[in-house]
């Protein structure tokens, strides 16, 4: 996830997203060999803001 106010990148992993990507690919007759997912966001509160990393 990219904090658009600071440019900080927050790395995360999610088992559900990984499984959904594989299912979507299989539904369309493909096998996932790589992927990229970018979430752009702004902090809900000033305390949540990440410093540029």
PDB file of N, CA and C in Angstrom:
ATOM      1  N   UNK A   1       0.858  -1.153   0.000  1.00  0.00           N
ATOM      2  CA  UNK A   1       0.000   0.000   0.000  1.00  0.00           C
ATOM      3  C   UNK A   1       0.905   1.216   0.000  1.00  0.00           C
ATOM      4  N   UNK A   2       0.522   2.235  -0.766  1.00  0.00           N
ATOM      5  CA  UNK A   2       1.324   3.441  -0.859  1.00  0.00           C
ATOM      6  C   UNK A   2       0.565   4.588  -0.208  1.00  0.00           C
ATOM      7  N   UNK A   3       1.200   5.195   0.796  1.00  0.00           N
ATOM      8  CA  UNK A   3       0.642   6.381   1.445  1.00  0.00           C
ATOM      9  C   UNK A   3       0.934   7.554   0.514  1.00  0.00           C
ATOM     10  N   UNK A   4      -0.088   8.070  -0.151  1.00  0.00           N
ATOM     11  CA  UNK A   4       0.134   9.118  -1.151  1.00  0.00           C
ATOM     12  C   UNK A   4       0.507  10.457  -0.532  1.00  0.00           C
ATOM     13  N   UNK A   5       0.317  10.614   0.778  1.00  0.00           N
ATOM     14  CA  UNK A   5       0.709  11.866   1.417  1.00  0.00           C
ATOM     15  C   UNK A   5       2.192  11.908   1.731  1.00  0.00           C
ATOM     16  N   UNK A   6       2.792  10.749   1.991  1.00  0.00           N
ATOM     17  CA  UNK A   6       4.211  10.712   2.357  1.00  0.00           C
ATOM     18  C   UNK A   6       5.069   9.925   1.381  1.00  0.00           C
ATOM     19  N   UNK A   7       4.439   9.100   0.553  1.00  0.00           N
ATOM     20  CA  UNK A   7       5.193   8.236  -0.349  1.00  0.00           C
ATOM     21  C   UNK A   7       5.647   6.939   0.299  1.00  0.00           C
ATOM     22  N   UNK A   8       5.311   6.750   1.568  1.00  0.00           N
ATOM     23  CA  UNK A   8       5.711   5.532   2.271  1.00  0.00           C
ATOM     24  C   UNK A   8       5.029   4.316   1.649  1.00  0.00           C
ATOM     25  N   UNK A   9       5.770   3.217   1.613  1.00  0.00           N
ATOM     26  CA  UNK A   9       5.240   1.958   1.103  1.00  0.00           C
ATOM     27  C   UNK A   9       5.042   1.023   2.288  1.00  0.00           C
ATOM     28  N   UNK A  10       3.826   0.544   2.461  1.00  0.00           N
ATOM     29  CA  UNK A  10       3.501  -0.378   3.542  1.00  0.00           C
ATOM     30  C   UNK A  10       3.334  -1.762   2.925  1.00  0.00           C
ATOM     31  N   UNK A  11       4.278  -2.650   3.207  1.00  0.00           N
ATOM     32  CA  UNK A  11       4.231  -4.011   2.668  1.00  0.00           C
ATOM     33  C   UNK A  11       3.262  -4.846   3.500  1.00  0.00           C
ATOM     34  N   UNK A  12       2.522  -5.709   2.842  1.00  0.00           N
ATOM     35  CA  UNK A  12       1.612  -6.604   3.549  1.00  0.00           C
ATOM     36  C   UNK A  12       1.425  -7.867   2.725  1.00  0.00           C
ATOM     37  N   UNK A  13       0.918  -8.898   3.364  1.00  0.00           N
ATOM     38  CA  UNK A  13       0.530 -10.108   2.641  1.00  0.00           C
ATOM     39  C   UNK A  13      -0.848 -10.517   3.150  1.00  0.00           C
ATOM     40  N   UNK A  14      -1.591 -11.193   2.275  1.00  0.00           N
ATOM     41  CA  UNK A  14      -2.956 -11.588   2.624  1.00  0.00           C
ATOM     42  C   UNK A  14      -3.261 -12.915   1.931  1.00  0.00           C
ATOM     43  N   UNK A  15      -3.462 -13.938   2.720  1.00  0.00           N
ATOM     44  CA  UNK A  15      -3.748 -15.272   2.194  1.00  0.00           C
ATOM     45  C   UNK A  15      -4.997 -15.253   1.310  1.00  0.00           C
ATOM     46  N   UNK A  16      -6.014 -14.493   1.716  1.00  0.00           N
ATOM     47  CA  UNK A  16      -7.259 -14.439   0.950  1.00  0.00           C
ATOM     48  C   UNK A  16      -7.045 -13.829  -0.437  1.00  0.00           C
ATOM     49  N   UNK A  17      -6.238 -12.781  -0.526  1.00  0.00           N
ATOM     50  CA  UNK A  17      -5.961 -12.161  -1.829  1.00  0.00           C
ATOM     51  C   UNK A  17      -5.191 -13.127  -2.718  1.00  0.00           C
ATOM     52  N   UNK A  18      -4.200 -13.803  -2.151  1.00  0.00           N
ATOM     53  CA  UNK A  18      -3.417 -14.773  -2.922  1.00  0.00           C
ATOM     54  C   UNK A  18      -4.321 -15.871  -3.487  1.00  0.00           C
ATOM     55  N   UNK A  19      -5.211 -16.395  -2.645  1.00  0.00           N
ATOM     56  CA  UNK A  19      -6.115 -17.460  -3.089  1.00  0.00           C
ATOM     57  C   UNK A  19      -7.066 -16.955  -4.172  1.00  0.00           C
ATOM     58  N   UNK A  20      -7.576 -15.747  -4.022  1.00  0.00           N
ATOM     59  CA  UNK A  20      -8.492 -15.180  -5.005  1.00  0.00           C
ATOM     60  C   UNK A  20      -7.801 -14.981  -6.351  1.00  0.00           C
ATOM     61  N   UNK A  21      -6.554 -14.531  -6.335  1.00  0.00           N
ATOM     62  CA  UNK A  21      -5.806 -14.369  -7.590  1.00  0.00           C
ATOM     63  C   UNK A  21      -5.680 -15.702  -8.324  1.00  0.00           C
ATOM     64  N   UNK A  22      -5.357 -16.747  -7.578  1.00  0.00           N
ATOM     65  CA  UNK A  22      -5.218 -18.073  -8.192  1.00  0.00           C
ATOM     66  C   UNK A  22      -6.551 -18.558  -8.756  1.00  0.00           C
ATOM     67  N   UNK A  23      -7.634 -18.327  -8.021  1.00  0.00           N
ATOM     68  CA  UNK A  23      -8.955 -18.755  -8.483  1.00  0.00           C
ATOM     69  C   UNK A  23      -9.359 -18.009  -9.748  1.00  0.00           C
ATOM     70  N   UNK A  24      -9.161 -16.706  -9.765  1.00  0.00           N
ATOM     71  CA  UNK A  24      -9.512 -15.915 -10.950  1.00  0.00           C
ATOM     72  C   UNK A  24      -8.719 -16.393 -12.154  1.00  0.00           C
ATOM     73  N   UNK A  25      -7.423 -16.599 -11.978  1.00  0.00           N
ATOM     74  CA  UNK A  25      -6.592 -17.073 -13.087  1.00  0.00           C
ATOM     75  C   UNK A  25      -7.090 -18.430 -13.580  1.00  0.00           C
ATOM     76  N   UNK A  26      -7.363 -19.353 -12.655  1.00  0.00           N
ATOM     77  CA  UNK A  26      -7.839 -20.682 -13.038  1.00  0.00           C
ATOM     78  C   UNK A  26      -9.185 -20.605 -13.754  1.00  0.00           C
ATOM     79  N   UNK A  27     -10.072 -19.734 -13.282  1.00  0.00           N
ATOM     80  CA  UNK A  27     -11.381 -19.565 -13.929  1.00  0.00           C
ATOM     81  C   UNK A  27     -11.242 -19.132 -15.382  1.00  0.00           C
ATOM     82  N   UNK A  28     -10.176 -18.408 -15.690  1.00  0.00           N
ATOM     83  CA  UNK A  28      -9.943 -17.938 -17.053  1.00  0.00           C
ATOM     84  C   UNK A  28      -8.956 -18.815 -17.814  1.00  0.00           C
ATOM     85  N   UNK A  29      -8.563 -19.941 -17.192  1.00  0.00           N
ATOM     86  CA  UNK A  29      -7.678 -20.881 -17.855  1.00  0.00           C
ATOM     87  C   UNK A  29      -6.213 -20.489 -17.823  1.00  0.00           C
ATOM     88  N   UNK A  30      -5.798 -19.799 -16.768  1.00  0.00           N
ATOM     89  CA  UNK A  30      -4.411 -19.362 -16.633  1.00  0.00           C
ATOM     90  C   UNK A  30      -3.812 -19.851 -15.331  1.00  0.00           C
ATOM     91  N   UNK A  31      -2.489 -19.828 -15.282  1.00  0.00           N
ATOM     92  CA  UNK A  31      -1.743 -20.092 -14.062  1.00  0.00           C
ATOM     93  C   UNK A  31      -0.976 -18.820 -13.732  1.00  0.00           C
ATOM     94  N   UNK A  32      -1.071 -18.360 -12.498  1.00  0.00           N
ATOM     95  CA  UNK A  32      -0.359 -17.154 -12.083  1.00  0.00           C
ATOM     96  C   UNK A  32       1.131 -17.458 -11.985  1.00  0.00           C
ATOM     97  N   UNK A  33       1.945 -16.641 -12.643  1.00  0.00           N
ATOM     98  CA  UNK A  33       3.401 -16.776 -12.520  1.00  0.00           C
ATOM     99  C   UNK A  33       4.014 -15.528 -11.881  1.00  0.00           C
ATOM    100  N   UNK A  34       3.196 -14.533 -11.665  1.00  0.00           N
ATOM    101  CA  UNK A  34       3.630 -13.303 -11.010  1.00  0.00           C
ATOM    102  C   UNK A  34       2.439 -12.386 -10.872  1.00  0.00           C
ATOM    103  N   UNK A  35       2.588 -11.377 -10.035  1.00  0.00           N
ATOM    104  CA  UNK A  35       1.489 -10.433  -9.876  1.00  0.00           C
ATOM    105  C   UNK A  35       1.994  -9.127  -9.280  1.00  0.00           C
ATOM    106  N   UNK A  36       1.176  -8.111  -9.420  1.00  0.00           N
ATOM    107  CA  UNK A  36       1.456  -6.811  -8.801  1.00  0.00           C
ATOM    108  C   UNK A  36       0.122  -6.208  -8.384  1.00  0.00           C
ATOM    109  N   UNK A  37       0.060  -5.760  -7.157  1.00  0.00           N
ATOM    110  CA  UNK A  37      -1.143  -5.125  -6.635  1.00  0.00           C
ATOM    111  C   UNK A  37      -0.711  -3.856  -5.919  1.00  0.00           C
ATOM    112  N   UNK A  38      -1.251  -2.731  -6.314  1.00  0.00           N
ATOM    113  CA  UNK A  38      -0.940  -1.462  -5.658  1.00  0.00           C
ATOM    114  C   UNK A  38      -2.218  -0.869  -5.086  1.00  0.00           C
ATOM    115  N   UNK A  39      -2.172  -0.558  -3.814  1.00  0.00           N
ATOM    116  CA  UNK A  39      -3.265   0.142  -3.160  1.00  0.00           C
ATOM    117  C   UNK A  39      -2.752   1.535  -2.831  1.00  0.00           C
ATOM    118  N   UNK A  40      -3.483   2.558  -3.228  1.00  0.00           N
ATOM    119  CA  UNK A  40      -3.116   3.934  -2.931  1.00  0.00           C
ATOM    120  C   UNK A  40      -4.062   4.449  -1.867  1.00  0.00           C
ATOM    121  N   UNK A  41      -3.521   5.054  -0.828  1.00  0.00           N
ATOM    122  CA  UNK A  41      -4.393   5.515   0.239  1.00  0.00           C
ATOM    123  C   UNK A  41      -3.860   6.732   0.961  1.00  0.00           C
ATOM    124  N   UNK A  42      -4.718   7.276   1.789  1.00  0.00           N
ATOM    125  CA  UNK A  42      -4.360   8.381   2.673  1.00  0.00           C
ATOM    126  C   UNK A  42      -4.689   7.951   4.098  1.00  0.00           C
ATOM    127  N   UNK A  43      -3.917   8.408   5.078  1.00  0.00           N
ATOM    128  CA  UNK A  43      -4.173   8.042   6.467  1.00  0.00           C
ATOM    129  C   UNK A  43      -5.546   8.528   6.928  1.00  0.00           C
ATOM    130  N   UNK A  44      -6.194   7.723   7.746  1.00  0.00           N
ATOM    131  CA  UNK A  44      -7.482   8.122   8.315  1.00  0.00           C
ATOM    132  C   UNK A  44      -7.303   9.238   9.340  1.00  0.00           C
ATOM    133  N   UNK A  45      -6.199   9.175  10.088  1.00  0.00           N
ATOM    134  CA  UNK A  45      -5.896  10.209  11.077  1.00  0.00           C
ATOM    135  C   UNK A  45      -4.413  10.546  10.982  1.00  0.00           C
ATOM    136  N   UNK A  46      -3.995  11.721  11.478  1.00  0.00           N
ATOM    137  CA  UNK A  46      -2.567  12.066  11.449  1.00  0.00           C
ATOM    138  C   UNK A  46      -1.697  11.034  12.171  1.00  0.00           C
ATOM    139  N   UNK A  47      -2.230  10.399  13.204  1.00  0.00           N
ATOM    140  CA  UNK A  47      -1.463   9.395  13.950  1.00  0.00           C
ATOM    141  C   UNK A  47      -1.164   8.159  13.107  1.00  0.00           C
ATOM    142  N   UNK A  48      -1.988   7.906  12.095  1.00  0.00           N
ATOM    143  CA  UNK A  48      -1.804   6.731  11.245  1.00  0.00           C
ATOM    144  C   UNK A  48      -0.757   6.954  10.163  1.00  0.00           C
ATOM    145  N   UNK A  49      -0.326   8.191   9.953  1.00  0.00           N
ATOM    146  CA  UNK A  49       0.581   8.513   8.852  1.00  0.00           C
ATOM    147  C   UNK A  49       1.922   7.808   9.024  1.00  0.00           C
ATOM    148  N   UNK A  50       2.384   7.190   7.953  1.00  0.00           N
ATOM    149  CA  UNK A  50       3.681   6.526   7.926  1.00  0.00           C
ATOM    150  C   UNK A  50       4.712   7.525   7.413  1.00  0.00           C
ATOM    151  N   UNK A  51       5.882   7.504   8.004  1.00  0.00           N
ATOM    152  CA  UNK A  51       6.964   8.354   7.499  1.00  0.00           C
ATOM    153  C   UNK A  51       7.502   7.737   6.228  1.00  0.00           C
ATOM    154  N   UNK A  52       8.039   8.551   5.345  1.00  0.00           N
ATOM    155  CA  UNK A  52       8.623   8.073   4.089  1.00  0.00           C
ATOM    156  C   UNK A  52       9.697   7.042   4.408  1.00  0.00           C
ATOM    157  N   UNK A  53       9.550   5.851   3.833  1.00  0.00           N
ATOM    158  CA  UNK A  53      10.488   4.756   4.129  1.00  0.00           C
ATOM    159  C   UNK A  53      11.208   4.330   2.890  1.00  0.00           C
TER     160      UNK A  53
END
